[in-house]
Amino acid sequence: MKEYFAHETAVIDEGCEIGAGTKIWHFSHVMPNCTIGEKCNIGQNVVISPDVVLGKNVKVQNNVSIYTGVVCEDDVFLGPSMVFTNVINPRSAVNRRGEYSKTVVKKGASIGANATIVCGNDIGEFAFIGAGAVVVKEVAPYALVVGNPSKQIGWISEYGHRLNFDEAGFASCPESNEKYQLANGNVTKIDS
């Protein structure tokens, strides 16, 4: 007995592992040998290509294509119509199936609507990619990036609020009151 929900118009190919409590909505296609964790939500018109791995509680909004080579860790958010690529130099007349680049989206990261992630550029834990951004290089944990090509404009908390660091390099999230430290160009959460 399956422990997940799939709308009657969804197509789920052979060899997929889908976790309990996951929901797969209208006209979505999960291709062979994908692994989807528990409590994920796959919106309408989503394509998940062969061998993709999604962790637990991944939210995939409508019209997203997740191509072979992409791994999303737990609690990742993929905004409406955002795009991954998996070949750096695609050509219709050249078969590059053996040349897929890997892209890892780390735990808790969010990617905004209509953003594009050029393959091979990992997204750090809890990073936030603004809507419409085009990511052409690796993104640091807790980084806030926007634009085309994307550039980092600040840091963001695990609750999605911009962090304002004091002269000593400390900041707190206005919603959770969790504390963060900026040192040597890296942000870490301070355990209380």
C-alpha atoms as a PDB file:
ATOM      1  CA  MET A   1       0.000   0.000   0.000  1.00  0.00           C
ATOM      2  CA  LYS A   2       1.425   3.389  -0.991  1.00  0.00           C
ATOM      3  CA  GLU A   3       1.783   5.936   1.787  1.00  0.00           C
ATOM      4  CA  TYR A   4       1.855   8.974  -0.512  1.00  0.00           C
ATOM      5  CA  PHE A   5      -0.769  10.760  -2.608  1.00  0.00           C
ATOM      6  CA  ALA A   6      -0.529  11.108  -6.380  1.00  0.00           C
ATOM      7  CA  HIS A   7      -3.226  12.875  -8.379  1.00  0.00           C
ATOM      8  CA  GLU A   8      -4.802  10.662 -11.065  1.00  0.00           C
ATOM      9  CA  THR A   9      -3.128  12.740 -13.810  1.00  0.00           C
ATOM     10  CA  ALA A  10       0.365  12.327 -12.308  1.00  0.00           C
ATOM     11  CA  VAL A  11       2.715   9.788 -13.903  1.00  0.00           C
ATOM     12  CA  ILE A  12       5.148   7.883 -11.690  1.00  0.00           C
ATOM     13  CA  ASP A  13       7.601   5.625 -13.501  1.00  0.00           C
ATOM     14  CA  GLU A  14       9.134   2.357 -12.319  1.00  0.00           C
ATOM     15  CA  GLY A  15      11.794   2.193  -9.650  1.00  0.00           C
ATOM     16  CA  CYS A  16      10.880   5.328  -7.699  1.00  0.00           C
ATOM     17  CA  GLU A  17      11.010   5.516  -3.928  1.00  0.00           C
ATOM     18  CA  ILE A  18       8.494   8.010  -2.554  1.00  0.00           C
ATOM     19  CA  GLY A  19       8.248   8.780   1.153  1.00  0.00           C
ATOM     20  CA  ALA A  20       5.171   8.709   3.350  1.00  0.00           C
ATOM     21  CA  GLY A  21       3.030  11.826   3.343  1.00  0.00           C
ATOM     22  CA  THR A  22       4.346  13.141   0.030  1.00  0.00           C
ATOM     23  CA  LYS A  23       1.821  14.713  -2.371  1.00  0.00           C
ATOM     24  CA  ILE A  24       2.245  14.782  -6.158  1.00  0.00           C
ATOM     25  CA  TRP A  25      -0.224  17.024  -7.979  1.00  0.00           C
ATOM     26  CA  HIS A  26      -1.814  17.420 -11.436  1.00  0.00           C
ATOM     27  CA  PHE A  27       0.112  16.573 -14.614  1.00  0.00           C
ATOM     28  CA  SER A  28       3.447  15.967 -12.858  1.00  0.00           C
ATOM     29  CA  HIS A  29       5.868  13.280 -14.039  1.00  0.00           C
ATOM     30  CA  VAL A  30       8.310  11.466 -11.774  1.00  0.00           C
ATOM     31  CA  MET A  31      10.715   9.591 -14.044  1.00  0.00           C
ATOM     32  CA  PRO A  32      12.497   6.276 -13.275  1.00  0.00           C
ATOM     33  CA  ASN A  33      14.626   5.662 -10.207  1.00  0.00           C
ATOM     34  CA  CYS A  34      13.930   8.920  -8.366  1.00  0.00           C
ATOM     35  CA  THR A  35      14.102   9.110  -4.602  1.00  0.00           C
ATOM     36  CA  ILE A  36      11.645  11.498  -2.964  1.00  0.00           C
ATOM     37  CA  GLY A  37      11.623  11.845   0.820  1.00  0.00           C
ATOM     38  CA  GLU A  38       8.756  12.037   3.271  1.00  0.00           C
ATOM     39  CA  LYS A  39       6.285  14.937   3.378  1.00  0.00           C
ATOM     40  CA  CYS A  40       7.343  16.516   0.081  1.00  0.00           C
ATOM     41  CA  ASN A  41       4.885  18.546  -1.974  1.00  0.00           C
ATOM     42  CA  ILE A  42       5.273  18.344  -5.757  1.00  0.00           C
ATOM     43  CA  GLY A  43       3.109  20.990  -7.477  1.00  0.00           C
ATOM     44  CA  GLN A  44       1.357  20.926 -10.853  1.00  0.00           C
ATOM     45  CA  ASN A  45       3.225  20.319 -14.105  1.00  0.00           C
ATOM     46  CA  VAL A  46       6.517  19.323 -12.451  1.00  0.00           C
ATOM     47  CA  VAL A  47       9.018  17.036 -14.188  1.00  0.00           C
ATOM     48  CA  ILE A  48      11.490  15.122 -12.043  1.00  0.00           C
ATOM     49  CA  SER A  49      14.059  13.471 -14.325  1.00  0.00           C
ATOM     50  CA  PRO A  50      15.618  10.039 -13.742  1.00  0.00           C
ATOM     51  CA  ASP A  51      17.760   9.485 -10.646  1.00  0.00           C
ATOM     52  CA  VAL A  52      16.940  12.837  -9.000  1.00  0.00           C
ATOM     53  CA  VAL A  53      17.074  12.804  -5.204  1.00  0.00           C
ATOM     54  CA  LEU A  54      14.826  14.989  -3.030  1.00  0.00           C
ATOM     55  CA  GLY A  55      15.151  14.929   0.769  1.00  0.00           C
ATOM     56  CA  LYS A  56      12.341  15.265   3.293  1.00  0.00           C
ATOM     57  CA  ASN A  57       9.861  18.157   3.260  1.00  0.00           C
ATOM     58  CA  VAL A  58      10.977  19.539  -0.119  1.00  0.00           C
ATOM     59  CA  LYS A  59       8.439  21.957  -1.604  1.00  0.00           C
ATOM     60  CA  VAL A  60       8.392  22.078  -5.412  1.00  0.00           C
ATOM     61  CA  GLN A  61       6.053  24.723  -6.810  1.00  0.00           C
ATOM     62  CA  ASN A  62       4.258  24.564 -10.175  1.00  0.00           C
ATOM     63  CA  ASN A  63       6.083  24.296 -13.526  1.00  0.00           C
ATOM     64  CA  VAL A  64       9.510  23.240 -12.204  1.00  0.00           C
ATOM     65  CA  SER A  65      11.803  20.807 -14.024  1.00  0.00           C
ATOM     66  CA  ILE A  66      14.391  19.035 -11.879  1.00  0.00           C
ATOM     67  CA  TYR A  67      16.945  17.417 -14.164  1.00  0.00           C
ATOM     68  CA  THR A  68      19.204  14.398 -13.665  1.00  0.00           C
ATOM     69  CA  GLY A  69      22.190  15.404 -11.554  1.00  0.00           C
ATOM     70  CA  VAL A  70      20.213  17.539  -9.113  1.00  0.00           C
ATOM     71  CA  VAL A  71      20.060  16.664  -5.416  1.00  0.00           C
ATOM     72  CA  CYS A  72      17.882  18.682  -3.037  1.00  0.00           C
ATOM     73  CA  GLU A  73      18.476  18.079   0.653  1.00  0.00           C
ATOM     74  CA  ASP A  74      15.793  18.328   3.376  1.00  0.00           C
ATOM     75  CA  ASP A  75      13.536  21.400   3.646  1.00  0.00           C
ATOM     76  CA  VAL A  76      14.448  22.906   0.257  1.00  0.00           C
ATOM     77  CA  PHE A  77      11.945  25.281  -1.415  1.00  0.00           C
ATOM     78  CA  LEU A  78      11.836  25.504  -5.232  1.00  0.00           C
ATOM     79  CA  GLY A  79       9.721  28.464  -6.374  1.00  0.00           C
ATOM     80  CA  PRO A  80       7.287  28.520  -9.293  1.00  0.00           C
ATOM     81  CA  SER A  81       8.849  28.043 -12.734  1.00  0.00           C
ATOM     82  CA  MET A  82      12.444  28.066 -11.467  1.00  0.00           C
ATOM     83  CA  VAL A  83      14.873  26.152 -13.676  1.00  0.00           C
ATOM     84  CA  PHE A  84      17.827  23.829 -13.211  1.00  0.00           C
ATOM     85  CA  THR A  85      20.205  22.962 -16.043  1.00  0.00           C
ATOM     86  CA  ASN A  86      22.395  19.866 -16.210  1.00  0.00           C
ATOM     87  CA  VAL A  87      24.639  20.362 -19.257  1.00  0.00           C
ATOM     88  CA  ILE A  88      26.991  23.342 -19.473  1.00  0.00           C
ATOM     89  CA  ASN A  89      27.128  23.450 -23.292  1.00  0.00           C
ATOM     90  CA  PRO A  90      23.961  21.858 -24.723  1.00  0.00           C
ATOM     91  CA  ARG A  91      23.585  21.290 -28.460  1.00  0.00           C
ATOM     92  CA  SER A  92      20.665  19.584 -30.115  1.00  0.00           C
ATOM     93  CA  ALA A  93      22.903  17.665 -32.507  1.00  0.00           C
ATOM     94  CA  VAL A  94      25.404  16.543 -29.820  1.00  0.00           C
ATOM     95  CA  ASN A  95      24.454  13.840 -27.310  1.00  0.00           C
ATOM     96  CA  ARG A  96      25.744  14.930 -23.894  1.00  0.00           C
ATOM     97  CA  ARG A  97      23.861  12.404 -21.718  1.00  0.00           C
ATOM     98  CA  GLY A  98      27.093  11.187 -20.160  1.00  0.00           C
ATOM     99  CA  GLU A  99      28.146  14.726 -19.275  1.00  0.00           C
ATOM    100  CA  TYR A 100      25.470  15.731 -16.754  1.00  0.00           C
ATOM    101  CA  SER A 101      26.815  18.060 -14.074  1.00  0.00           C
ATOM    102  CA  LYS A 102      25.786  17.594 -10.463  1.00  0.00           C
ATOM    103  CA  THR A 103      24.108  20.384  -8.525  1.00  0.00           C
ATOM    104  CA  VAL A 104      23.391  20.084  -4.799  1.00  0.00           C
ATOM    105  CA  VAL A 105      20.871  22.338  -3.074  1.00  0.00           C
ATOM    106  CA  LYS A 106      21.699  22.091   0.619  1.00  0.00           C
ATOM    107  CA  LYS A 107      19.322  21.831   3.561  1.00  0.00           C
ATOM    108  CA  GLY A 108      16.851  24.663   4.033  1.00  0.00           C
ATOM    109  CA  ALA A 109      17.782  26.654   0.913  1.00  0.00           C
ATOM    110  CA  SER A 110      15.090  28.559  -1.024  1.00  0.00           C
ATOM    111  CA  ILE A 111      15.114  29.344  -4.736  1.00  0.00           C
ATOM    112  CA  GLY A 112      12.695  32.050  -5.890  1.00  0.00           C
ATOM    113  CA  ALA A 113      10.237  32.054  -8.778  1.00  0.00           C
ATOM    114  CA  ASN A 114      11.743  32.046 -12.284  1.00  0.00           C
ATOM    115  CA  ALA A 115      15.328  31.737 -11.008  1.00  0.00           C
ATOM    116  CA  THR A 116      17.819  29.730 -13.077  1.00  0.00           C
ATOM    117  CA  ILE A 117      20.543  27.582 -11.547  1.00  0.00           C
ATOM    118  CA  VAL A 118      23.337  26.889 -14.041  1.00  0.00           C
ATOM    119  CA  CYS A 119      24.549  23.336 -13.428  1.00  0.00           C
ATOM    120  CA  GLY A 120      27.509  22.574 -11.219  1.00  0.00           C
ATOM    121  CA  ASN A 121      26.866  25.477  -8.841  1.00  0.00           C
ATOM    122  CA  ASP A 122      25.904  24.195  -5.398  1.00  0.00           C
ATOM    123  CA  ILE A 123      23.571  26.211  -3.193  1.00  0.00           C
ATOM    124  CA  GLY A 124      24.613  26.407   0.487  1.00  0.00           C
ATOM    125  CA  GLU A 125      22.508  25.637   3.539  1.00  0.00           C
ATOM    126  CA  PHE A 126      19.674  28.122   4.131  1.00  0.00           C
ATOM    127  CA  ALA A 127      20.778  30.319   1.201  1.00  0.00           C
ATOM    128  CA  PHE A 128      18.076  32.407  -0.453  1.00  0.00           C
ATOM    129  CA  ILE A 129      18.034  32.905  -4.223  1.00  0.00           C
ATOM    130  CA  GLY A 130      15.830  35.844  -5.208  1.00  0.00           C
ATOM    131  CA  ALA A 131      13.123  35.613  -7.866  1.00  0.00           C
ATOM    132  CA  GLY A 132      14.509  35.761 -11.402  1.00  0.00           C
ATOM    133  CA  ALA A 133      18.147  35.381 -10.337  1.00  0.00           C
ATOM    134  CA  VAL A 134      20.563  33.549 -12.644  1.00  0.00           C
ATOM    135  CA  VAL A 135      23.077  31.647 -10.522  1.00  0.00           C
ATOM    136  CA  VAL A 136      26.405  31.159 -12.316  1.00  0.00           C
ATOM    137  CA  LYS A 137      28.644  30.387  -9.332  1.00  0.00           C
ATOM    138  CA  GLU A 138      28.462  28.554  -6.011  1.00  0.00           C
ATOM    139  CA  VAL A 139      26.316  30.169  -3.308  1.00  0.00           C
ATOM    140  CA  ALA A 140      27.530  30.261   0.307  1.00  0.00           C
ATOM    141  CA  PRO A 141      25.432  29.069   3.250  1.00  0.00           C
ATOM    142  CA  TYR A 142      23.020  31.791   4.497  1.00  0.00           C
ATOM    143  CA  ALA A 143      23.799  33.980   1.453  1.00  0.00           C
ATOM    144  CA  LEU A 144      21.139  36.222  -0.101  1.00  0.00           C
ATOM    145  CA  VAL A 145      21.693  36.473  -3.866  1.00  0.00           C
ATOM    146  CA  VAL A 146      19.752  38.331  -6.568  1.00  0.00           C
ATOM    147  CA  GLY A 147      20.100  39.496 -10.166  1.00  0.00           C
ATOM    148  CA  ASN A 148      21.419  38.353 -13.541  1.00  0.00           C
ATOM    149  CA  PRO A 149      24.128  37.274 -13.172  1.00  0.00           C
ATOM    150  CA  SER A 150      23.408  36.781  -9.502  1.00  0.00           C
ATOM    151  CA  LYS A 151      25.410  38.574  -6.855  1.00  0.00           C
ATOM    152  CA  GLN A 152      25.334  38.332  -3.114  1.00  0.00           C
ATOM    153  CA  ILE A 153      23.714  41.332  -1.450  1.00  0.00           C
ATOM    154  CA  GLY A 154      23.625  40.128   2.134  1.00  0.00           C
ATOM    155  CA  TRP A 155      22.940  37.299   4.542  1.00  0.00           C
ATOM    156  CA  ILE A 156      19.701  35.652   5.611  1.00  0.00           C
ATOM    157  CA  SER A 157      18.477  33.725   8.658  1.00  0.00           C
ATOM    158  CA  GLU A 158      17.028  30.231   8.729  1.00  0.00           C
ATOM    159  CA  TYR A 159      13.603  31.902   9.009  1.00  0.00           C
ATOM    160  CA  GLY A 160      14.205  33.939   5.842  1.00  0.00           C
ATOM    161  CA  HIS A 161      14.957  37.360   7.327  1.00  0.00           C
ATOM    162  CA  ARG A 162      17.845  39.581   6.307  1.00  0.00           C
ATOM    163  CA  LEU A 163      20.620  39.637   8.903  1.00  0.00           C
ATOM    164  CA  ASN A 164      22.152  42.960   9.929  1.00  0.00           C
ATOM    165  CA  PHE A 165      25.511  42.309  11.559  1.00  0.00           C
ATOM    166  CA  ASP A 166      26.957  44.683  14.163  1.00  0.00           C
ATOM    167  CA  GLU A 167      30.600  45.813  14.184  1.00  0.00           C
ATOM    168  CA  ALA A 168      31.562  42.718  16.195  1.00  0.00           C
ATOM    169  CA  GLY A 169      30.026  40.451  13.541  1.00  0.00           C
ATOM    170  CA  PHE A 170      26.882  39.351  15.383  1.00  0.00           C
ATOM    171  CA  ALA A 171      23.227  39.463  14.305  1.00  0.00           C
ATOM    172  CA  SER A 172      19.916  37.992  15.400  1.00  0.00           C
ATOM    173  CA  CYS A 173      16.846  36.932  13.460  1.00  0.00           C
ATOM    174  CA  PRO A 174      13.909  39.265  14.176  1.00  0.00           C
ATOM    175  CA  GLU A 175      11.436  36.360  14.110  1.00  0.00           C
ATOM    176  CA  SER A 176      13.239  33.521  15.913  1.00  0.00           C
ATOM    177  CA  ASN A 177      15.795  35.556  17.916  1.00  0.00           C
ATOM    178  CA  GLU A 178      18.409  32.981  16.870  1.00  0.00           C
ATOM    179  CA  LYS A 179      21.927  34.403  16.872  1.00  0.00           C
ATOM    180  CA  TYR A 180      24.399  34.364  13.968  1.00  0.00           C
ATOM    181  CA  GLN A 181      28.056  35.240  13.599  1.00  0.00           C
ATOM    182  CA  LEU A 182      29.879  36.554  10.520  1.00  0.00           C
ATOM    183  CA  ALA A 183      33.595  35.722  10.540  1.00  0.00           C
ATOM    184  CA  ASN A 184      36.040  35.446   7.652  1.00  0.00           C
ATOM    185  CA  GLY A 185      33.244  35.829   5.100  1.00  0.00           C
ATOM    186  CA  ASN A 186      31.190  32.951   6.510  1.00  0.00           C
ATOM    187  CA  VAL A 187      27.990  32.965   8.564  1.00  0.00           C
ATOM    188  CA  THR A 188      27.278  30.400  11.246  1.00  0.00           C
ATOM    189  CA  LYS A 189      24.343  30.045  13.610  1.00  0.00           C
ATOM    190  CA  ILE A 190      25.362  30.269  17.259  1.00  0.00           C
ATOM    191  CA  ASP A 191      23.829  27.572  19.432  1.00  0.00           C
ATOM    192  CA  SER A 192      22.318  29.065  22.566  1.00  0.00           C
END
